[in-house]
Amino acid sequence: MAVCCFYLLIGLGLITNQLRRIEAWGVAMLVALLVLHLVLPINMPALYKSLTG
């Protein structure tokens, strides 16, 4: 699954000509995932449990 997502993101970067900003997109995605993992368990535990299964 992760490999598929990687190639999808690289393909989107090629199509939109955003590969020069790949580091910024990576940092933004990591921050978003970190926030989700810190906020969802406290505020919406049922949603977090269903997403992380």
PDB file of N, CA and C in Angstrom:
ATOM      1  N   MET A   1       0.819  -1.192   0.000  1.00  0.00           N
ATOM      2  CA  MET A   1       0.000   0.000   0.000  1.00  0.00           C
ATOM      3  C   MET A   1       0.863   1.256   0.000  1.00  0.00           C
ATOM      4  N   ALA A   2       1.905   1.271   0.817  1.00  0.00           N
ATOM      5  CA  ALA A   2       2.762   2.454   0.910  1.00  0.00           C
ATOM      6  C   ALA A   2       3.490   2.709  -0.404  1.00  0.00           C
ATOM      7  N   VAL A   3       3.891   1.636  -1.088  1.00  0.00           N
ATOM      8  CA  VAL A   3       4.589   1.791  -2.365  1.00  0.00           C
ATOM      9  C   VAL A   3       3.647   2.404  -3.401  1.00  0.00           C
ATOM     10  N   CYS A   4       2.406   1.965  -3.394  1.00  0.00           N
ATOM     11  CA  CYS A   4       1.412   2.505  -4.313  1.00  0.00           C
ATOM     12  C   CYS A   4       1.206   4.001  -4.063  1.00  0.00           C
ATOM     13  N   CYS A   5       1.107   4.383  -2.800  1.00  0.00           N
ATOM     14  CA  CYS A   5       0.926   5.803  -2.451  1.00  0.00           C
ATOM     15  C   CYS A   5       2.138   6.620  -2.871  1.00  0.00           C
ATOM     16  N   PHE A   6       3.329   6.064  -2.694  1.00  0.00           N
ATOM     17  CA  PHE A   6       4.549   6.766  -3.084  1.00  0.00           C
ATOM     18  C   PHE A   6       4.534   7.070  -4.581  1.00  0.00           C
ATOM     19  N   TYR A   7       4.254   6.059  -5.388  1.00  0.00           N
ATOM     20  CA  TYR A   7       4.261   6.265  -6.835  1.00  0.00           C
ATOM     21  C   TYR A   7       3.126   7.181  -7.283  1.00  0.00           C
ATOM     22  N   LEU A   8       2.005   7.116  -6.602  1.00  0.00           N
ATOM     23  CA  LEU A   8       0.902   8.027  -6.905  1.00  0.00           C
ATOM     24  C   LEU A   8       1.317   9.474  -6.640  1.00  0.00           C
ATOM     25  N   LEU A   9       1.968   9.716  -5.509  1.00  0.00           N
ATOM     26  CA  LEU A   9       2.409  11.073  -5.180  1.00  0.00           C
ATOM     27  C   LEU A   9       3.496  11.565  -6.132  1.00  0.00           C
ATOM     28  N   ILE A  10       4.418  10.699  -6.497  1.00  0.00           N
ATOM     29  CA  ILE A  10       5.457  11.089  -7.450  1.00  0.00           C
ATOM     30  C   ILE A  10       4.833  11.388  -8.809  1.00  0.00           C
ATOM     31  N   GLY A  11       3.873  10.568  -9.231  1.00  0.00           N
ATOM     32  CA  GLY A  11       3.172  10.822 -10.487  1.00  0.00           C
ATOM     33  C   GLY A  11       2.437  12.160 -10.470  1.00  0.00           C
ATOM     34  N   LEU A  12       1.759  12.447  -9.359  1.00  0.00           N
ATOM     35  CA  LEU A  12       1.085  13.737  -9.243  1.00  0.00           C
ATOM     36  C   LEU A  12       2.086  14.891  -9.257  1.00  0.00           C
ATOM     37  N   GLY A  13       3.234  14.681  -8.637  1.00  0.00           N
ATOM     38  CA  GLY A  13       4.278  15.708  -8.661  1.00  0.00           C
ATOM     39  C   GLY A  13       4.805  15.962 -10.054  1.00  0.00           C
ATOM     40  N   LEU A  14       4.939  14.900 -10.832  1.00  0.00           N
ATOM     41  CA  LEU A  14       5.378  15.059 -12.221  1.00  0.00           C
ATOM     42  C   LEU A  14       4.339  15.788 -13.060  1.00  0.00           C
ATOM     43  N   ILE A  15       3.082  15.397 -12.897  1.00  0.00           N
ATOM     44  CA  ILE A  15       2.002  16.005 -13.679  1.00  0.00           C
ATOM     45  C   ILE A  15       1.857  17.485 -13.360  1.00  0.00           C
ATOM     46  N   THR A  16       1.951  17.833 -12.081  1.00  0.00           N
ATOM     47  CA  THR A  16       1.748  19.225 -11.671  1.00  0.00           C
ATOM     48  C   THR A  16       3.037  20.035 -11.629  1.00  0.00           C
ATOM     49  N   ASN A  17       4.141  19.408 -12.012  1.00  0.00           N
ATOM     50  CA  ASN A  17       5.448  20.079 -12.033  1.00  0.00           C
ATOM     51  C   ASN A  17       5.846  20.609 -10.652  1.00  0.00           C
ATOM     52  N   GLN A  18       5.595  19.799  -9.624  1.00  0.00           N
ATOM     53  CA  GLN A  18       5.891  20.197  -8.253  1.00  0.00           C
ATOM     54  C   GLN A  18       7.033  19.372  -7.628  1.00  0.00           C
ATOM     55  N   LEU A  19       7.763  18.628  -8.424  1.00  0.00           N
ATOM     56  CA  LEU A  19       8.826  17.801  -7.854  1.00  0.00           C
ATOM     57  C   LEU A  19       9.945  18.625  -7.233  1.00  0.00           C
ATOM     58  N   ARG A  20      10.080  19.853  -7.649  1.00  0.00           N
ATOM     59  CA  ARG A  20      11.123  20.695  -7.046  1.00  0.00           C
ATOM     60  C   ARG A  20      10.784  21.031  -5.592  1.00  0.00           C
ATOM     61  N   ARG A  21       9.521  20.841  -5.210  1.00  0.00           N
ATOM     62  CA  ARG A  21       9.093  21.114  -3.836  1.00  0.00           C
ATOM     63  C   ARG A  21       8.785  19.830  -3.070  1.00  0.00           C
ATOM     64  N   ILE A  22       9.364  18.722  -3.462  1.00  0.00           N
ATOM     65  CA  ILE A  22       9.025  17.433  -2.874  1.00  0.00           C
ATOM     66  C   ILE A  22       9.350  17.388  -1.373  1.00  0.00           C
ATOM     67  N   GLU A  23      10.413  18.074  -0.961  1.00  0.00           N
ATOM     68  CA  GLU A  23      10.767  18.087   0.458  1.00  0.00           C
ATOM     69  C   GLU A  23       9.702  18.812   1.268  1.00  0.00           C
ATOM     70  N   ALA A  24       9.218  19.929   0.761  1.00  0.00           N
ATOM     71  CA  ALA A  24       8.192  20.691   1.475  1.00  0.00           C
ATOM     72  C   ALA A  24       6.903  19.881   1.582  1.00  0.00           C
ATOM     73  N   TRP A  25       6.519  19.181   0.504  1.00  0.00           N
ATOM     74  CA  TRP A  25       5.325  18.343   0.547  1.00  0.00           C
ATOM     75  C   TRP A  25       5.498  17.197   1.539  1.00  0.00           C
ATOM     76  N   GLY A  26       6.683  16.628   1.590  1.00  0.00           N
ATOM     77  CA  GLY A  26       6.946  15.548   2.535  1.00  0.00           C
ATOM     78  C   GLY A  26       6.848  16.002   3.975  1.00  0.00           C
ATOM     79  N   VAL A  27       7.415  17.167   4.263  1.00  0.00           N
ATOM     80  CA  VAL A  27       7.340  17.715   5.617  1.00  0.00           C
ATOM     81  C   VAL A  27       5.899  18.037   5.981  1.00  0.00           C
ATOM     82  N   ALA A  28       5.147  18.606   5.054  1.00  0.00           N
ATOM     83  CA  ALA A  28       3.746  18.930   5.316  1.00  0.00           C
ATOM     84  C   ALA A  28       2.936  17.664   5.604  1.00  0.00           C
ATOM     85  N   MET A  29       3.196  16.598   4.867  1.00  0.00           N
ATOM     86  CA  MET A  29       2.479  15.345   5.098  1.00  0.00           C
ATOM     87  C   MET A  29       2.839  14.734   6.441  1.00  0.00           C
ATOM     88  N   LEU A  30       4.126  14.796   6.817  1.00  0.00           N
ATOM     89  CA  LEU A  30       4.530  14.270   8.114  1.00  0.00           C
ATOM     90  C   LEU A  30       3.897  15.044   9.256  1.00  0.00           C
ATOM     91  N   VAL A  31       3.852  16.355   9.134  1.00  0.00           N
ATOM     92  CA  VAL A  31       3.231  17.187  10.169  1.00  0.00           C
ATOM     93  C   VAL A  31       1.742  16.871  10.273  1.00  0.00           C
ATOM     94  N   ALA A  32       1.073  16.719   9.130  1.00  0.00           N
ATOM     95  CA  ALA A  32      -0.354  16.407   9.135  1.00  0.00           C
ATOM     96  C   ALA A  32      -0.612  15.046   9.800  1.00  0.00           C
ATOM     97  N   LEU A  33       0.199  14.054   9.483  1.00  0.00           N
ATOM     98  CA  LEU A  33       0.028  12.737  10.099  1.00  0.00           C
ATOM     99  C   LEU A  33       0.306  12.780  11.595  1.00  0.00           C
ATOM    100  N   LEU A  34       1.307  13.537  12.002  1.00  0.00           N
ATOM    101  CA  LEU A  34       1.614  13.671  13.421  1.00  0.00           C
ATOM    102  C   LEU A  34       0.463  14.329  14.168  1.00  0.00           C
ATOM    103  N   VAL A  35      -0.083  15.387  13.596  1.00  0.00           N
ATOM    104  CA  VAL A  35      -1.221  16.064  14.224  1.00  0.00           C
ATOM    105  C   VAL A  35      -2.411  15.124  14.334  1.00  0.00           C
ATOM    106  N   LEU A  36      -2.682  14.369  13.271  1.00  0.00           N
ATOM    107  CA  LEU A  36      -3.799  13.422  13.314  1.00  0.00           C
ATOM    108  C   LEU A  36      -3.610  12.373  14.399  1.00  0.00           C
ATOM    109  N   HIS A  37      -2.391  11.874  14.548  1.00  0.00           N
ATOM    110  CA  HIS A  37      -2.135  10.842  15.551  1.00  0.00           C
ATOM    111  C   HIS A  37      -2.127  11.401  16.968  1.00  0.00           C
ATOM    112  N   LEU A  38      -1.923  12.690  17.115  1.00  0.00           N
ATOM    113  CA  LEU A  38      -1.958  13.293  18.449  1.00  0.00           C
ATOM    114  C   LEU A  38      -3.346  13.800  18.818  1.00  0.00           C
ATOM    115  N   VAL A  39      -4.106  14.291  17.855  1.00  0.00           N
ATOM    116  CA  VAL A  39      -5.384  14.930  18.133  1.00  0.00           C
ATOM    117  C   VAL A  39      -6.549  13.940  18.093  1.00  0.00           C
ATOM    118  N   LEU A  40      -6.589  13.076  17.096  1.00  0.00           N
ATOM    119  CA  LEU A  40      -7.736  12.179  16.948  1.00  0.00           C
ATOM    120  C   LEU A  40      -7.961  11.236  18.128  1.00  0.00           C
ATOM    121  N   PRO A  41      -6.937  10.629  18.712  1.00  0.00           N
ATOM    122  CA  PRO A  41      -7.216   9.714  19.830  1.00  0.00           C
ATOM    123  C   PRO A  41      -7.874  10.415  21.010  1.00  0.00           C
ATOM    124  N   ILE A  42      -7.588  11.677  21.196  1.00  0.00           N
ATOM    125  CA  ILE A  42      -8.150  12.411  22.332  1.00  0.00           C
ATOM    126  C   ILE A  42      -9.555  12.919  22.008  1.00  0.00           C
ATOM    127  N   ASN A  43      -9.721  13.524  20.835  1.00  0.00           N
ATOM    128  CA  ASN A  43     -10.986  14.164  20.493  1.00  0.00           C
ATOM    129  C   ASN A  43     -12.006  13.225  19.873  1.00  0.00           C
ATOM    130  N   MET A  44     -11.555  12.280  19.067  1.00  0.00           N
ATOM    131  CA  MET A  44     -12.471  11.362  18.393  1.00  0.00           C
ATOM    132  C   MET A  44     -11.911   9.945  18.447  1.00  0.00           C
ATOM    133  N   PRO A  45     -11.967   9.305  19.599  1.00  0.00           N
ATOM    134  CA  PRO A  45     -11.345   7.980  19.720  1.00  0.00           C
ATOM    135  C   PRO A  45     -11.977   6.917  18.818  1.00  0.00           C
ATOM    136  N   ALA A  46     -13.266   6.979  18.573  1.00  0.00           N
ATOM    137  CA  ALA A  46     -13.898   5.972  17.716  1.00  0.00           C
ATOM    138  C   ALA A  46     -13.411   6.105  16.272  1.00  0.00           C
ATOM    139  N   LEU A  47     -13.306   7.328  15.787  1.00  0.00           N
ATOM    140  CA  LEU A  47     -12.814   7.554  14.436  1.00  0.00           C
ATOM    141  C   LEU A  47     -11.361   7.114  14.306  1.00  0.00           C
ATOM    142  N   TYR A  48     -10.552   7.446  15.306  1.00  0.00           N
ATOM    143  CA  TYR A  48      -9.146   7.045  15.295  1.00  0.00           C
ATOM    144  C   TYR A  48      -9.012   5.528  15.268  1.00  0.00           C
ATOM    145  N   LYS A  49      -9.815   4.842  16.062  1.00  0.00           N
ATOM    146  CA  LYS A  49      -9.744   3.386  16.110  1.00  0.00           C
ATOM    147  C   LYS A  49     -10.171   2.777  14.786  1.00  0.00           C
ATOM    148  N   SER A  50     -11.183   3.359  14.144  1.00  0.00           N
ATOM    149  CA  SER A  50     -11.622   2.816  12.855  1.00  0.00           C
ATOM    150  C   SER A  50     -10.601   3.095  11.752  1.00  0.00           C
ATOM    151  N   LEU A  51      -9.898   4.210  11.824  1.00  0.00           N
ATOM    152  CA  LEU A  51      -8.891   4.535  10.807  1.00  0.00           C
ATOM    153  C   LEU A  51      -7.629   3.703  10.965  1.00  0.00           C
ATOM    154  N   THR A  52      -7.238   3.432  12.194  1.00  0.00           N
ATOM    155  CA  THR A  52      -6.002   2.686  12.428  1.00  0.00           C
ATOM    156  C   THR A  52      -6.235   1.199  12.567  1.00  0.00           C
ATOM    157  N   GLY A  53      -7.475   0.796  12.651  1.00  0.00           N
ATOM    158  CA  GLY A  53      -7.965  -0.552  12.644  1.00  0.00           C
ATOM    159  C   GLY A  53      -7.290  -1.599  13.369  1.00  0.00           C
TER     160      GLY A  53
END
